[in-house]
Each structure stands twice: as C-alpha cells, then as structure tokens.
Amino acid sequence: MRLNIRVIPNAKQDRLAPEGDCLKIYLTAPPVDGKSNKFLIRFLAEHFSVKRGQLKIVRGASSRDKVIELSSF
C-alpha cells in the first residue's frame, strides 16, 4: 500500500490530518539531517501498529511531499 503524505515539520504537536487524497502530518521534529524522516517513520509505525521496517520512503526523502510504502510481510 502506498500513502501520499505532506509533512509539516517544526509543528507544535504531532498529529495526522486527512486532506483530500493525501495525509497531512504535523511533526515536532526539525527538518535537519533526516530527523523528521526518522520521526515520520516512527510516528506512522505507531499509528498503523506496524514495525518500522515495514515502512519505507519511496519518493520525496528531501521534500515535504512524500510517498510512503507500507509492506505487509
């Protein structure tokens, strides 16, 4: 399953908000040295109750718009 995500770093609180055909995720982590990407994977793993290894950033590692792949193995 692939998810289209828009990340908003440096937010006041971590939260997920559906917006049209994508998810808007507000993260408290700063967009420095990949910290927000690591935090995003951790946040989504907790939200979907899966292991972090099942989530992978397919496109947009250095962009706010990302495509995340959720594999079920």
PDB file of N, CA and C in Angstrom:
ATOM      1  N   MET A   1       0.850  -1.164   0.000  1.00  0.00           N
ATOM      2  CA  MET A   1       0.000   0.000   0.000  1.00  0.00           C
ATOM      3  C   MET A   1       0.903   1.236   0.000  1.00  0.00           C
ATOM      4  N   ARG A   2       0.549   2.216  -0.813  1.00  0.00           N
ATOM      5  CA  ARG A   2       1.324   3.459  -0.873  1.00  0.00           C
ATOM      6  C   ARG A   2       0.487   4.610  -0.337  1.00  0.00           C
ATOM      7  N   LEU A   3       1.136   5.474   0.418  1.00  0.00           N
ATOM      8  CA  LEU A   3       0.478   6.624   1.027  1.00  0.00           C
ATOM      9  C   LEU A   3       1.110   7.912   0.507  1.00  0.00           C
ATOM     10  N   ASN A   4       0.295   8.848   0.091  1.00  0.00           N
ATOM     11  CA  ASN A   4       0.775  10.181  -0.268  1.00  0.00           C
ATOM     12  C   ASN A   4       0.692  11.038   0.980  1.00  0.00           C
ATOM     13  N   ILE A   5       1.805  11.645   1.346  1.00  0.00           N
ATOM     14  CA  ILE A   5       1.898  12.366   2.606  1.00  0.00           C
ATOM     15  C   ILE A   5       2.502  13.742   2.377  1.00  0.00           C
ATOM     16  N   ARG A   6       1.986  14.712   3.095  1.00  0.00           N
ATOM     17  CA  ARG A   6       2.581  16.068   3.141  1.00  0.00           C
ATOM     18  C   ARG A   6       3.021  16.287   4.576  1.00  0.00           C
ATOM     19  N   VAL A   7       4.300  16.520   4.784  1.00  0.00           N
ATOM     20  CA  VAL A   7       4.873  16.673   6.125  1.00  0.00           C
ATOM     21  C   VAL A   7       5.044  18.157   6.443  1.00  0.00           C
ATOM     22  N   ILE A   8       4.618  18.530   7.647  1.00  0.00           N
ATOM     23  CA  ILE A   8       4.806  19.886   8.151  1.00  0.00           C
ATOM     24  C   ILE A   8       5.736  19.775   9.364  1.00  0.00           C
ATOM     25  N   PRO A   9       7.041  20.047   9.199  1.00  0.00           N
ATOM     26  CA  PRO A   9       7.973  19.941  10.326  1.00  0.00           C
ATOM     27  C   PRO A   9       7.870  21.147  11.258  1.00  0.00           C
ATOM     28  N   ASN A  10       8.474  21.032  12.419  1.00  0.00           N
ATOM     29  CA  ASN A  10       8.516  22.094  13.440  1.00  0.00           C
ATOM     30  C   ASN A  10       7.125  22.527  13.900  1.00  0.00           C
ATOM     31  N   ALA A  11       6.191  21.593  13.948  1.00  0.00           N
ATOM     32  CA  ALA A  11       4.847  21.904  14.427  1.00  0.00           C
ATOM     33  C   ALA A  11       4.833  21.922  15.952  1.00  0.00           C
ATOM     34  N   LYS A  12       3.750  22.444  16.525  1.00  0.00           N
ATOM     35  CA  LYS A  12       3.644  22.493  17.984  1.00  0.00           C
ATOM     36  C   LYS A  12       3.353  21.128  18.586  1.00  0.00           C
ATOM     37  N   GLN A  13       2.633  20.277  17.829  1.00  0.00           N
ATOM     38  CA  GLN A  13       2.332  18.938  18.323  1.00  0.00           C
ATOM     39  C   GLN A  13       2.297  17.965  17.148  1.00  0.00           C
ATOM     40  N   ASP A  14       2.479  16.697  17.439  1.00  0.00           N
ATOM     41  CA  ASP A  14       2.435  15.660  16.414  1.00  0.00           C
ATOM     42  C   ASP A  14       0.975  15.271  16.195  1.00  0.00           C
ATOM     43  N   ARG A  15       0.550  15.345  14.934  1.00  0.00           N
ATOM     44  CA  ARG A  15      -0.811  14.932  14.628  1.00  0.00           C
ATOM     45  C   ARG A  15      -0.950  14.618  13.154  1.00  0.00           C
ATOM     46  N   LEU A  16      -1.997  13.877  12.833  1.00  0.00           N
ATOM     47  CA  LEU A  16      -2.279  13.452  11.482  1.00  0.00           C
ATOM     48  C   LEU A  16      -3.633  14.016  11.084  1.00  0.00           C
ATOM     49  N   ALA A  17      -3.725  14.612   9.912  1.00  0.00           N
ATOM     50  CA  ALA A  17      -4.979  15.189   9.432  1.00  0.00           C
ATOM     51  C   ALA A  17      -5.199  14.777   7.984  1.00  0.00           C
ATOM     52  N   PRO A  18      -6.298  14.069   7.690  1.00  0.00           N
ATOM     53  CA  PRO A  18      -6.594  13.723   6.296  1.00  0.00           C
ATOM     54  C   PRO A  18      -6.920  14.986   5.493  1.00  0.00           C
ATOM     55  N   GLU A  19      -6.420  15.033   4.271  1.00  0.00           N
ATOM     56  CA  GLU A  19      -6.667  16.196   3.416  1.00  0.00           C
ATOM     57  C   GLU A  19      -6.783  15.729   1.975  1.00  0.00           C
ATOM     58  N   GLY A  20      -7.996  15.605   1.488  1.00  0.00           N
ATOM     59  CA  GLY A  20      -8.213  15.150   0.114  1.00  0.00           C
ATOM     60  C   GLY A  20      -7.733  13.721  -0.065  1.00  0.00           C
ATOM     61  N   ASP A  21      -6.850  13.517  -1.040  1.00  0.00           N
ATOM     62  CA  ASP A  21      -6.338  12.172  -1.307  1.00  0.00           C
ATOM     63  C   ASP A  21      -4.993  11.901  -0.627  1.00  0.00           C
ATOM     64  N   CYS A  22      -4.562  12.791   0.257  1.00  0.00           N
ATOM     65  CA  CYS A  22      -3.294  12.580   0.963  1.00  0.00           C
ATOM     66  C   CYS A  22      -3.484  12.800   2.459  1.00  0.00           C
ATOM     67  N   LEU A  23      -2.460  12.480   3.202  1.00  0.00           N
ATOM     68  CA  LEU A  23      -2.453  12.718   4.639  1.00  0.00           C
ATOM     69  C   LEU A  23      -1.508  13.868   4.943  1.00  0.00           C
ATOM     70  N   LYS A  24      -1.928  14.771   5.795  1.00  0.00           N
ATOM     71  CA  LYS A  24      -1.064  15.865   6.226  1.00  0.00           C
ATOM     72  C   LYS A  24      -0.611  15.510   7.636  1.00  0.00           C
ATOM     73  N   ILE A  25       0.699  15.431   7.827  1.00  0.00           N
ATOM     74  CA  ILE A  25       1.247  15.028   9.116  1.00  0.00           C
ATOM     75  C   ILE A  25       2.090  16.165   9.680  1.00  0.00           C
ATOM     76  N   TYR A  26       1.715  16.610  10.859  1.00  0.00           N
ATOM     77  CA  TYR A  26       2.435  17.662  11.564  1.00  0.00           C
ATOM     78  C   TYR A  26       3.396  16.996  12.527  1.00  0.00           C
ATOM     79  N   LEU A  27       4.678  17.338  12.444  1.00  0.00           N
ATOM     80  CA  LEU A  27       5.717  16.739  13.289  1.00  0.00           C
ATOM     81  C   LEU A  27       6.468  17.825  14.057  1.00  0.00           C
ATOM     82  N   THR A  28       6.834  17.506  15.285  1.00  0.00           N
ATOM     83  CA  THR A  28       7.610  18.443  16.089  1.00  0.00           C
ATOM     84  C   THR A  28       9.089  18.399  15.736  1.00  0.00           C
ATOM     85  N   ALA A  29       9.518  17.385  15.015  1.00  0.00           N
ATOM     86  CA  ALA A  29      10.927  17.224  14.662  1.00  0.00           C
ATOM     87  C   ALA A  29      11.350  18.261  13.611  1.00  0.00           C
ATOM     88  N   PRO A  30      12.584  18.753  13.714  1.00  0.00           N
ATOM     89  CA  PRO A  30      13.078  19.712  12.716  1.00  0.00           C
ATOM     90  C   PRO A  30      13.540  18.983  11.448  1.00  0.00           C
ATOM     91  N   PRO A  31      13.496  19.659  10.298  1.00  0.00           N
ATOM     92  CA  PRO A  31      13.931  19.026   9.049  1.00  0.00           C
ATOM     93  C   PRO A  31      15.442  19.118   8.857  1.00  0.00           C
ATOM     94  N   VAL A  32      16.200  18.642   9.817  1.00  0.00           N
ATOM     95  CA  VAL A  32      17.652  18.736   9.780  1.00  0.00           C
ATOM     96  C   VAL A  32      18.246  17.331   9.877  1.00  0.00           C
ATOM     97  N   ASP A  33      19.164  17.019   8.988  1.00  0.00           N
ATOM     98  CA  ASP A  33      19.896  15.748   8.994  1.00  0.00           C
ATOM     99  C   ASP A  33      18.973  14.529   9.020  1.00  0.00           C
ATOM    100  N   GLY A  34      17.823  14.606   8.364  1.00  0.00           N
ATOM    101  CA  GLY A  34      16.921  13.463   8.277  1.00  0.00           C
ATOM    102  C   GLY A  34      16.147  13.156   9.549  1.00  0.00           C
ATOM    103  N   LYS A  35      16.175  14.055  10.524  1.00  0.00           N
ATOM    104  CA  LYS A  35      15.469  13.802  11.781  1.00  0.00           C
ATOM    105  C   LYS A  35      13.964  13.699  11.565  1.00  0.00           C
ATOM    106  N   SER A  36      13.415  14.543  10.721  1.00  0.00           N
ATOM    107  CA  SER A  36      11.971  14.488  10.505  1.00  0.00           C
ATOM    108  C   SER A  36      11.568  13.213   9.764  1.00  0.00           C
ATOM    109  N   ASN A  37      12.411  12.701   8.860  1.00  0.00           N
ATOM    110  CA  ASN A  37      12.104  11.441   8.180  1.00  0.00           C
ATOM    111  C   ASN A  37      12.094  10.277   9.161  1.00  0.00           C
ATOM    112  N   LYS A  38      13.071  10.223  10.042  1.00  0.00           N
ATOM    113  CA  LYS A  38      13.108   9.153  11.047  1.00  0.00           C
ATOM    114  C   LYS A  38      11.910   9.249  11.975  1.00  0.00           C
ATOM    115  N   PHE A  39      11.579  10.461  12.374  1.00  0.00           N
ATOM    116  CA  PHE A  39      10.442  10.669  13.258  1.00  0.00           C
ATOM    117  C   PHE A  39       9.133  10.318  12.547  1.00  0.00           C
ATOM    118  N   LEU A  40       9.047  10.636  11.255  1.00  0.00           N
ATOM    119  CA  LEU A  40       7.863  10.307  10.462  1.00  0.00           C
ATOM    120  C   LEU A  40       7.642   8.797  10.418  1.00  0.00           C
ATOM    121  N   ILE A  41       8.687   8.048  10.155  1.00  0.00           N
ATOM    122  CA  ILE A  41       8.577   6.587  10.102  1.00  0.00           C
ATOM    123  C   ILE A  41       8.140   6.048  11.458  1.00  0.00           C
ATOM    124  N   ARG A  42       8.714   6.560  12.538  1.00  0.00           N
ATOM    125  CA  ARG A  42       8.339   6.129  13.887  1.00  0.00           C
ATOM    126  C   ARG A  42       6.870   6.469  14.180  1.00  0.00           C
ATOM    127  N   PHE A  43       6.453   7.684  13.803  1.00  0.00           N
ATOM    128  CA  PHE A  43       5.084   8.141  14.029  1.00  0.00           C
ATOM    129  C   PHE A  43       4.084   7.271  13.263  1.00  0.00           C
ATOM    130  N   LEU A  44       4.367   6.989  11.993  1.00  0.00           N
ATOM    131  CA  LEU A  44       3.464   6.171  11.188  1.00  0.00           C
ATOM    132  C   LEU A  44       3.421   4.723  11.668  1.00  0.00           C
ATOM    133  N   ALA A  45       4.550   4.198  12.117  1.00  0.00           N
ATOM    134  CA  ALA A  45       4.583   2.828  12.633  1.00  0.00           C
ATOM    135  C   ALA A  45       3.683   2.706  13.863  1.00  0.00           C
ATOM    136  N   GLU A  46       3.722   3.691  14.733  1.00  0.00           N
ATOM    137  CA  GLU A  46       2.841   3.673  15.902  1.00  0.00           C
ATOM    138  C   GLU A  46       1.380   3.832  15.484  1.00  0.00           C
ATOM    139  N   HIS A  47       1.117   4.712  14.528  1.00  0.00           N
ATOM    140  CA  HIS A  47      -0.257   4.972  14.101  1.00  0.00           C
ATOM    141  C   HIS A  47      -0.894   3.733  13.464  1.00  0.00           C
ATOM    142  N   PHE A  48      -0.156   3.048  12.588  1.00  0.00           N
ATOM    143  CA  PHE A  48      -0.682   1.878  11.893  1.00  0.00           C
ATOM    144  C   PHE A  48      -0.404   0.569  12.628  1.00  0.00           C
ATOM    145  N   SER A  49       0.267   0.623  13.770  1.00  0.00           N
ATOM    146  CA  SER A  49       0.604  -0.557  14.585  1.00  0.00           C
ATOM    147  C   SER A  49       1.389  -1.591  13.779  1.00  0.00           C
ATOM    148  N   VAL A  50       2.447  -1.114  13.134  1.00  0.00           N
ATOM    149  CA  VAL A  50       3.340  -1.994  12.378  1.00  0.00           C
ATOM    150  C   VAL A  50       4.772  -1.718  12.817  1.00  0.00           C
ATOM    151  N   LYS A  51       5.677  -2.568  12.374  1.00  0.00           N
ATOM    152  CA  LYS A  51       7.094  -2.359  12.673  1.00  0.00           C
ATOM    153  C   LYS A  51       7.653  -1.284  11.745  1.00  0.00           C
ATOM    154  N   ARG A  52       8.676  -0.584  12.227  1.00  0.00           N
ATOM    155  CA  ARG A  52       9.288   0.473  11.419  1.00  0.00           C
ATOM    156  C   ARG A  52       9.872  -0.056  10.119  1.00  0.00           C
ATOM    157  N   GLY A  53      10.325  -1.301  10.115  1.00  0.00           N
ATOM    158  CA  GLY A  53      10.911  -1.896   8.916  1.00  0.00           C
ATOM    159  C   GLY A  53       9.911  -2.115   7.798  1.00  0.00           C
ATOM    160  N   GLN A  54       8.619  -2.071   8.113  1.00  0.00           N
ATOM    161  CA  GLN A  54       7.588  -2.254   7.100  1.00  0.00           C
ATOM    162  C   GLN A  54       7.260  -0.955   6.360  1.00  0.00           C
ATOM    163  N   LEU A  55       7.816   0.150   6.799  1.00  0.00           N
ATOM    164  CA  LEU A  55       7.580   1.452   6.169  1.00  0.00           C
ATOM    165  C   LEU A  55       8.842   1.923   5.462  1.00  0.00           C
ATOM    166  N   LYS A  56       8.658   2.465   4.275  1.00  0.00           N
ATOM    167  CA  LYS A  56       9.809   2.913   3.501  1.00  0.00           C
ATOM    168  C   LYS A  56       9.428   4.155   2.709  1.00  0.00           C
ATOM    169  N   ILE A  57      10.305   5.146   2.704  1.00  0.00           N
ATOM    170  CA  ILE A  57      10.078   6.349   1.901  1.00  0.00           C
ATOM    171  C   ILE A  57      10.493   6.032   0.468  1.00  0.00           C
ATOM    172  N   VAL A  58       9.504   5.995  -0.420  1.00  0.00           N
ATOM    173  CA  VAL A  58       9.750   5.645  -1.819  1.00  0.00           C
ATOM    174  C   VAL A  58      10.181   6.871  -2.619  1.00  0.00           C
ATOM    175  N   ARG A  59       9.541   8.011  -2.337  1.00  0.00           N
ATOM    176  CA  ARG A  59       9.849   9.224  -3.082  1.00  0.00           C
ATOM    177  C   ARG A  59       9.701  10.426  -2.153  1.00  0.00           C
ATOM    178  N   GLY A  60      10.579  11.401  -2.299  1.00  0.00           N
ATOM    179  CA  GLY A  60      10.470  12.651  -1.563  1.00  0.00           C
ATOM    180  C   GLY A  60      11.239  12.687  -0.259  1.00  0.00           C
ATOM    181  N   ALA A  61      12.364  12.021  -0.171  1.00  0.00           N
ATOM    182  CA  ALA A  61      13.146  11.997   1.074  1.00  0.00           C
ATOM    183  C   ALA A  61      13.587  13.390   1.495  1.00  0.00           C
ATOM    184  N   SER A  62      13.797  14.285   0.553  1.00  0.00           N
ATOM    185  CA  SER A  62      14.229  15.637   0.906  1.00  0.00           C
ATOM    186  C   SER A  62      13.149  16.675   0.601  1.00  0.00           C
ATOM    187  N   SER A  63      11.914  16.227   0.462  1.00  0.00           N
ATOM    188  CA  SER A  63      10.804  17.112   0.143  1.00  0.00           C
ATOM    189  C   SER A  63       9.711  16.994   1.201  1.00  0.00           C
ATOM    190  N   ARG A  64       8.806  17.940   1.239  1.00  0.00           N
ATOM    191  CA  ARG A  64       7.670  17.853   2.167  1.00  0.00           C
ATOM    192  C   ARG A  64       6.637  16.860   1.661  1.00  0.00           C
ATOM    193  N   ASP A  65       6.533  16.714   0.351  1.00  0.00           N
ATOM    194  CA  ASP A  65       5.606  15.757  -0.248  1.00  0.00           C
ATOM    195  C   ASP A  65       6.321  14.433  -0.416  1.00  0.00           C
ATOM    196  N   LYS A  66       5.780  13.394   0.229  1.00  0.00           N
ATOM    197  CA  LYS A  66       6.446  12.095   0.234  1.00  0.00           C
ATOM    198  C   LYS A  66       5.472  10.994  -0.188  1.00  0.00           C
ATOM    199  N   VAL A  67       6.026   9.910  -0.675  1.00  0.00           N
ATOM    200  CA  VAL A  67       5.269   8.697  -0.924  1.00  0.00           C
ATOM    201  C   VAL A  67       5.882   7.635  -0.031  1.00  0.00           C
ATOM    202  N   ILE A  68       5.038   7.063   0.838  1.00  0.00           N
ATOM    203  CA  ILE A  68       5.479   6.046   1.784  1.00  0.00           C
ATOM    204  C   ILE A  68       4.870   4.717   1.378  1.00  0.00           C
ATOM    205  N   GLU A  69       5.677   3.669   1.387  1.00  0.00           N
ATOM    206  CA  GLU A  69       5.183   2.338   1.083  1.00  0.00           C
ATOM    207  C   GLU A  69       5.080   1.532   2.367  1.00  0.00           C
ATOM    208  N   LEU A  70       3.912   0.958   2.575  1.00  0.00           N
ATOM    209  CA  LEU A  70       3.652   0.113   3.739  1.00  0.00           C
ATOM    210  C   LEU A  70       3.575  -1.315   3.235  1.00  0.00           C
ATOM    211  N   SER A  71       4.573  -2.121   3.558  1.00  0.00           N
ATOM    212  CA  SER A  71       4.591  -3.511   3.118  1.00  0.00           C
ATOM    213  C   SER A  71       4.093  -4.395   4.254  1.00  0.00           C
ATOM    214  N   SER A  72       3.368  -5.406   3.892  1.00  0.00           N
ATOM    215  CA  SER A  72       2.842  -6.339   4.907  1.00  0.00           C
ATOM    216  C   SER A  72       3.507  -7.700   4.699  1.00  0.00           C
ATOM    217  N   PHE A  73       4.478  -7.987   5.540  1.00  0.00           N
ATOM    218  CA  PHE A  73       5.144  -9.290   5.469  1.00  0.00           C
ATOM    219  C   PHE A  73       5.119  -9.951   6.798  1.00  0.00           C
TER     220      PHE A  73
END
